[in-house]
Amino acid sequence: MVITSSKNDYVRMLASLANKKGRLQNGLYLVEGVKMVKEALLYDQPIKSIAFTDTKLDELIEIQNDAIDKGIDVFVLKEHVMAAASDVKTSQGVVAAISLPSFDMPDGLFPDIILAMEGIQDPGNVGTMIRTAEAAGVDATILSSGCCDVVSPKVIRSCMGSMFRMPVYKSQDFFSTLNDLKENGYEIALGDVMGENVFDKRESIKKMVLVIGSEGRGVSKETMDIATKKYRVPMVGNNESLNASVAGGILLYQLLRDRLMDK
């Protein structure tokens, strides 16, 4: 059966996942596009349903068959109905509704290299940093409670599936988390205009948390006081600062250079 009305309850539910309130009410978030839905299937995400545009069924038969084999509910929508359910201007003809992860902090030991984000509200920056962290060999990412919703559509699109492959946690007490890690032998590194030039860094850090703050405010004073290492990215031009995700990427790759060279 093909759903022909945008007022259908299932379609309304999908559309509501564009907003945090709708995601919390339904316990779901939305993933859109061929690559992202394939990644979600490949990495066994808890997919509750997948919806296809009726005109795309033939070319997306592989995804449809995979979903059916895994017992996932499949729906078929007319194009105008998919447009009402989708968060993007031009849908690729497939969306998946996935159960919200808990993002709870784990008990016990953390992995060696962690990216931590404090108060970053821009979803594009959050998603890009999660994606960059995975590429640079980071083992996990922690977000403070002041960061944007990590399952918002723009974060999901920007991280390009990295969240399916690398652990992402939310800390309700960010400073306590950093202190606990520091007490367990982690270097707490961050970007600071008065810090050491990151390109002069030569020592190999075995256990590290790199903290990236928002573009406007940077990291908090509490985090600054916890830090054991402070680095700056030198700038030749007249810019006052770099985009948070760009600065985070430069710092990650330079600080993890020795680790990356062994790959």
Protein backbone atom coordinates (compact mmCIF):
# COMPACT_ATOMS: atom_id res chain seq x y z
CA MET A 1 0.00 0.00 0.00
CA VAL A 2 1.27 3.46 -0.94
CA ILE A 3 0.66 6.32 1.49
CA THR A 4 -0.86 9.19 -0.49
CA SER A 5 -1.65 11.76 2.20
CA SER A 6 0.78 13.97 4.12
CA LYS A 7 -1.78 13.94 6.96
CA ASN A 8 -1.16 10.23 7.54
CA ASP A 9 -0.14 9.58 11.18
CA TYR A 10 3.11 7.87 10.19
CA VAL A 11 4.06 10.75 7.90
CA ARG A 12 3.25 13.30 10.61
CA MET A 13 5.47 11.35 12.98
CA LEU A 14 8.37 11.38 10.52
CA ALA A 15 7.98 15.12 9.98
CA SER A 16 7.99 15.74 13.75
CA LEU A 17 11.48 14.20 14.02
CA ALA A 18 12.92 17.40 12.55
CA ASN A 19 12.34 18.95 16.00
CA LYS A 20 13.83 17.98 19.35
CA LYS A 21 10.37 17.81 20.96
CA GLY A 22 9.18 15.33 18.34
CA ARG A 23 12.32 13.22 18.71
CA LEU A 24 11.88 13.01 22.48
CA GLN A 25 8.16 12.26 22.26
CA ASN A 26 8.68 9.43 19.79
CA GLY A 27 12.04 8.19 21.03
CA LEU A 28 13.29 8.33 17.44
CA TYR A 29 15.48 10.40 15.14
CA LEU A 30 15.57 10.63 11.36
CA VAL A 31 18.30 9.56 8.96
CA GLU A 32 17.94 10.55 5.31
CA GLY A 33 19.58 9.60 2.04
CA VAL A 34 20.88 6.45 0.41
CA LYS A 35 24.38 6.44 1.91
CA MET A 36 23.26 7.22 5.45
CA VAL A 37 20.48 4.62 5.49
CA LYS A 38 22.87 2.00 4.08
CA GLU A 39 25.38 2.88 6.83
CA ALA A 40 22.69 2.58 9.49
CA LEU A 41 21.79 -0.87 8.18
CA LEU A 42 25.42 -1.95 7.87
CA TYR A 43 26.25 -0.96 11.45
CA ASP A 44 23.08 -2.51 12.89
CA GLN A 45 21.50 0.67 14.19
CA PRO A 46 18.13 0.12 15.94
CA ILE A 47 16.02 1.10 12.91
CA LYS A 48 12.29 1.02 13.57
CA SER A 49 11.10 1.80 10.04
CA ILE A 50 12.29 2.81 6.58
CA ALA A 51 10.16 4.80 4.13
CA PHE A 52 10.70 4.88 0.37
CA THR A 53 9.35 7.12 -2.36
CA ASP A 54 7.27 4.98 -4.72
CA THR A 55 9.23 6.16 -7.78
CA LYS A 56 12.54 5.06 -6.19
CA LEU A 57 11.58 1.55 -5.16
CA ASP A 58 13.26 -0.24 -8.08
CA GLU A 59 16.63 1.49 -7.71
CA LEU A 60 16.57 1.09 -3.91
CA ILE A 61 15.53 -2.57 -3.94
CA GLU A 62 18.76 -3.62 -2.17
CA ILE A 63 17.97 -1.40 0.82
CA GLN A 64 14.37 -2.58 0.83
CA ASN A 65 15.36 -6.25 0.82
CA ASP A 66 17.94 -5.70 3.57
CA ALA A 67 15.32 -3.96 5.71
CA ILE A 68 12.78 -6.74 5.19
CA ASP A 69 15.41 -9.40 6.01
CA LYS A 70 16.10 -7.61 9.29
CA GLY A 71 12.43 -7.36 10.19
CA ILE A 72 12.26 -3.58 9.81
CA ASP A 73 8.90 -2.03 8.96
CA VAL A 74 8.83 -0.68 5.40
CA PHE A 75 6.52 2.07 4.11
CA VAL A 76 6.04 3.46 0.61
CA LEU A 77 5.14 7.14 0.09
CA LYS A 78 4.13 9.25 -2.86
CA GLU A 79 6.72 11.89 -3.78
CA HIS A 80 4.75 14.83 -2.36
CA VAL A 81 4.25 12.87 0.85
CA MET A 82 7.97 12.14 1.17
CA ALA A 83 8.61 15.85 0.68
CA ALA A 84 6.36 16.58 3.66
CA ALA A 85 8.16 14.00 5.82
CA SER A 86 11.71 14.90 4.78
CA ASP A 87 13.92 17.60 6.31
CA VAL A 88 15.87 18.21 3.07
CA LYS A 89 14.82 20.18 -0.01
CA THR A 90 15.36 17.31 -2.44
CA SER A 91 14.85 13.85 -0.98
CA GLN A 92 16.85 10.87 -2.29
CA GLY A 93 13.75 8.77 -1.77
CA VAL A 94 14.59 6.97 1.47
CA VAL A 95 14.44 7.87 5.18
CA ALA A 96 14.90 5.78 8.31
CA ALA A 97 13.48 6.30 11.78
CA ILE A 98 15.99 5.08 14.38
CA SER A 99 15.62 4.65 18.15
CA LEU A 100 17.33 7.37 20.16
CA PRO A 101 20.61 6.23 21.73
CA SER A 102 21.06 6.86 25.44
CA PHE A 103 24.44 8.62 25.04
CA ASP A 104 25.04 7.75 28.72
CA MET A 105 28.57 7.97 30.01
CA PRO A 106 30.08 4.49 30.37
CA ASP A 107 31.10 2.88 33.62
CA GLY A 108 34.75 2.03 33.97
CA LEU A 109 37.68 3.01 31.81
CA PHE A 110 37.53 5.26 28.76
CA PRO A 111 39.49 4.69 25.56
CA ASP A 112 42.80 6.49 25.06
CA ILE A 113 41.96 9.44 22.80
CA ILE A 114 38.83 11.51 23.38
CA LEU A 115 37.42 14.60 21.70
CA ALA A 116 35.29 16.71 24.06
CA MET A 117 33.03 19.55 22.94
CA GLU A 118 31.91 22.24 25.34
CA GLY A 119 28.93 24.47 24.60
CA ILE A 120 29.03 24.13 20.81
CA GLN A 121 25.60 25.02 19.50
CA ASP A 122 26.21 24.97 15.75
CA PRO A 123 25.05 21.54 14.50
CA GLY A 124 27.27 21.73 11.41
CA ASN A 125 30.34 22.18 13.60
CA VAL A 126 29.33 19.33 15.93
CA GLY A 127 28.71 16.91 13.05
CA THR A 128 31.89 17.92 11.22
CA MET A 129 33.99 17.43 14.35
CA ILE A 130 32.53 13.99 15.01
CA ARG A 131 33.35 13.04 11.41
CA THR A 132 36.86 14.52 11.66
CA ALA A 133 37.47 12.82 15.00
CA GLU A 134 36.72 9.41 13.54
CA ALA A 135 39.01 10.10 10.56
CA ALA A 136 41.84 11.23 12.85
CA GLY A 137 41.67 8.08 14.97
CA VAL A 138 39.82 9.44 18.01
CA ASP A 139 38.32 6.66 20.12
CA ALA A 140 35.26 8.48 21.53
CA THR A 141 33.56 11.87 21.67
CA ILE A 142 31.99 13.55 24.71
CA LEU A 143 29.57 16.48 24.48
CA SER A 144 28.72 18.83 27.32
CA SER A 145 25.07 19.40 28.16
CA GLY A 146 25.37 22.86 26.56
CA CYS A 147 26.01 21.45 23.09
CA CYS A 148 23.29 21.21 20.46
CA ASP A 149 21.19 18.06 20.07
CA VAL A 150 23.53 15.48 18.57
CA VAL A 151 20.73 13.75 16.65
CA SER A 152 19.39 16.89 14.97
CA PRO A 153 19.13 16.44 11.19
CA LYS A 154 22.03 18.78 10.41
CA VAL A 155 24.38 17.00 12.84
CA ILE A 156 23.40 13.64 11.37
CA ARG A 157 24.05 14.87 7.82
CA SER A 158 27.36 16.53 8.77
CA CYS A 159 28.83 13.53 10.60
CA MET A 160 28.17 11.26 7.59
CA GLY A 161 27.67 8.09 9.60
CA SER A 162 30.62 8.52 11.97
CA MET A 163 28.24 8.40 14.93
CA PHE A 164 27.35 4.84 13.92
CA ARG A 165 30.99 3.77 14.20
CA MET A 166 32.49 5.82 17.05
CA PRO A 167 31.05 6.10 20.58
CA VAL A 168 29.44 9.47 21.33
CA TYR A 169 28.51 10.36 24.90
CA LYS A 170 26.77 13.25 26.66
CA SER A 171 28.09 14.40 30.01
CA GLN A 172 25.62 16.06 32.38
CA ASP A 173 28.54 17.14 34.61
CA PHE A 174 31.25 18.07 32.13
CA PHE A 175 33.78 19.41 34.64
CA SER A 176 33.45 16.36 36.87
CA THR A 177 34.01 14.13 33.83
CA LEU A 178 37.15 16.04 32.85
CA ASN A 179 38.45 15.93 36.43
CA ASP A 180 37.85 12.18 36.63
CA LEU A 181 39.77 11.67 33.40
CA LYS A 182 42.59 13.92 34.59
CA GLU A 183 42.86 11.94 37.83
CA ASN A 184 43.10 8.77 35.73
CA GLY A 185 46.18 10.00 33.87
CA TYR A 186 44.69 11.79 30.86
CA GLU A 187 46.21 14.97 29.50
CA ILE A 188 43.45 17.59 29.19
CA ALA A 189 44.41 19.61 26.12
CA LEU A 190 42.65 22.61 24.64
CA GLY A 191 43.09 25.45 22.21
CA ASP A 192 44.23 28.79 23.67
CA VAL A 193 45.66 31.88 21.95
CA MET A 194 48.36 32.03 24.64
CA GLY A 195 49.23 28.35 24.37
CA GLU A 196 52.15 26.56 22.77
CA ASN A 197 52.31 26.58 18.98
CA VAL A 198 50.76 23.21 18.15
CA PHE A 199 53.20 22.70 15.27
CA ASP A 200 56.10 22.81 17.75
CA LYS A 201 54.60 19.88 19.62
CA ARG A 202 56.73 16.75 19.38
CA GLU A 203 55.92 14.53 22.36
CA SER A 204 53.61 11.57 21.89
CA ILE A 205 50.51 11.74 24.08
CA LYS A 206 49.17 8.31 25.02
CA LYS A 207 45.98 9.30 26.86
CA MET A 208 44.41 12.62 25.92
CA VAL A 209 41.19 14.59 25.96
CA LEU A 210 41.13 17.47 23.47
CA VAL A 211 38.49 20.02 24.46
CA ILE A 212 37.01 22.32 21.80
CA GLY A 213 34.83 25.23 22.90
CA SER A 214 32.38 27.39 20.97
CA GLU A 215 33.65 30.00 18.52
CA GLY A 216 32.17 32.88 20.46
CA ARG A 217 33.13 31.98 24.02
CA GLY A 218 35.77 29.28 23.72
CA VAL A 219 36.10 26.94 26.67
CA SER A 220 34.92 27.96 30.14
CA LYS A 221 37.21 29.17 32.92
CA GLU A 222 36.53 25.92 34.80
CA THR A 223 37.79 23.89 31.84
CA MET A 224 40.75 26.22 31.38
CA ASP A 225 41.72 25.62 35.01
CA ILE A 226 41.50 21.83 34.56
CA ALA A 227 43.68 21.83 31.42
CA THR A 228 47.17 20.32 31.51
CA LYS A 229 48.13 21.31 27.92
CA LYS A 230 47.25 24.45 25.96
CA TYR A 231 47.92 24.85 22.26
CA ARG A 232 47.37 27.56 19.69
CA VAL A 233 47.02 27.34 15.92
CA PRO A 234 49.23 30.09 14.47
CA MET A 235 47.56 32.47 12.03
CA VAL A 236 49.37 34.63 9.49
CA GLY A 237 46.41 36.77 8.37
CA ASN A 238 44.30 39.21 10.33
CA ASN A 239 41.67 36.69 11.43
CA GLU A 240 40.79 36.80 15.10
CA SER A 241 39.83 33.14 15.20
CA LEU A 242 39.15 30.00 13.18
CA ASN A 243 35.91 28.13 12.77
CA ALA A 244 35.61 25.72 15.72
CA SER A 245 35.52 22.59 13.55
CA VAL A 246 38.49 23.78 11.46
CA ALA A 247 40.57 24.56 14.56
CA GLY A 248 39.55 21.24 16.11
CA GLY A 249 40.58 19.35 12.98
CA ILE A 250 44.00 21.01 12.83
CA LEU A 251 44.65 20.34 16.52
CA LEU A 252 43.51 16.72 16.28
CA TYR A 253 45.67 15.87 13.30
CA GLN A 254 48.75 17.57 14.69
CA LEU A 255 48.40 16.16 18.20
CA LEU A 256 47.76 12.68 16.81
CA ARG A 257 50.43 12.90 14.10
CA ASP A 258 52.62 10.15 15.55
CA ARG A 259 49.64 7.85 15.91
CA LEU A 260 48.53 8.54 12.33
CA MET A 261 52.02 7.99 10.92
CA ASP A 262 51.98 4.46 12.31
CA LYS A 263 48.86 3.57 10.30
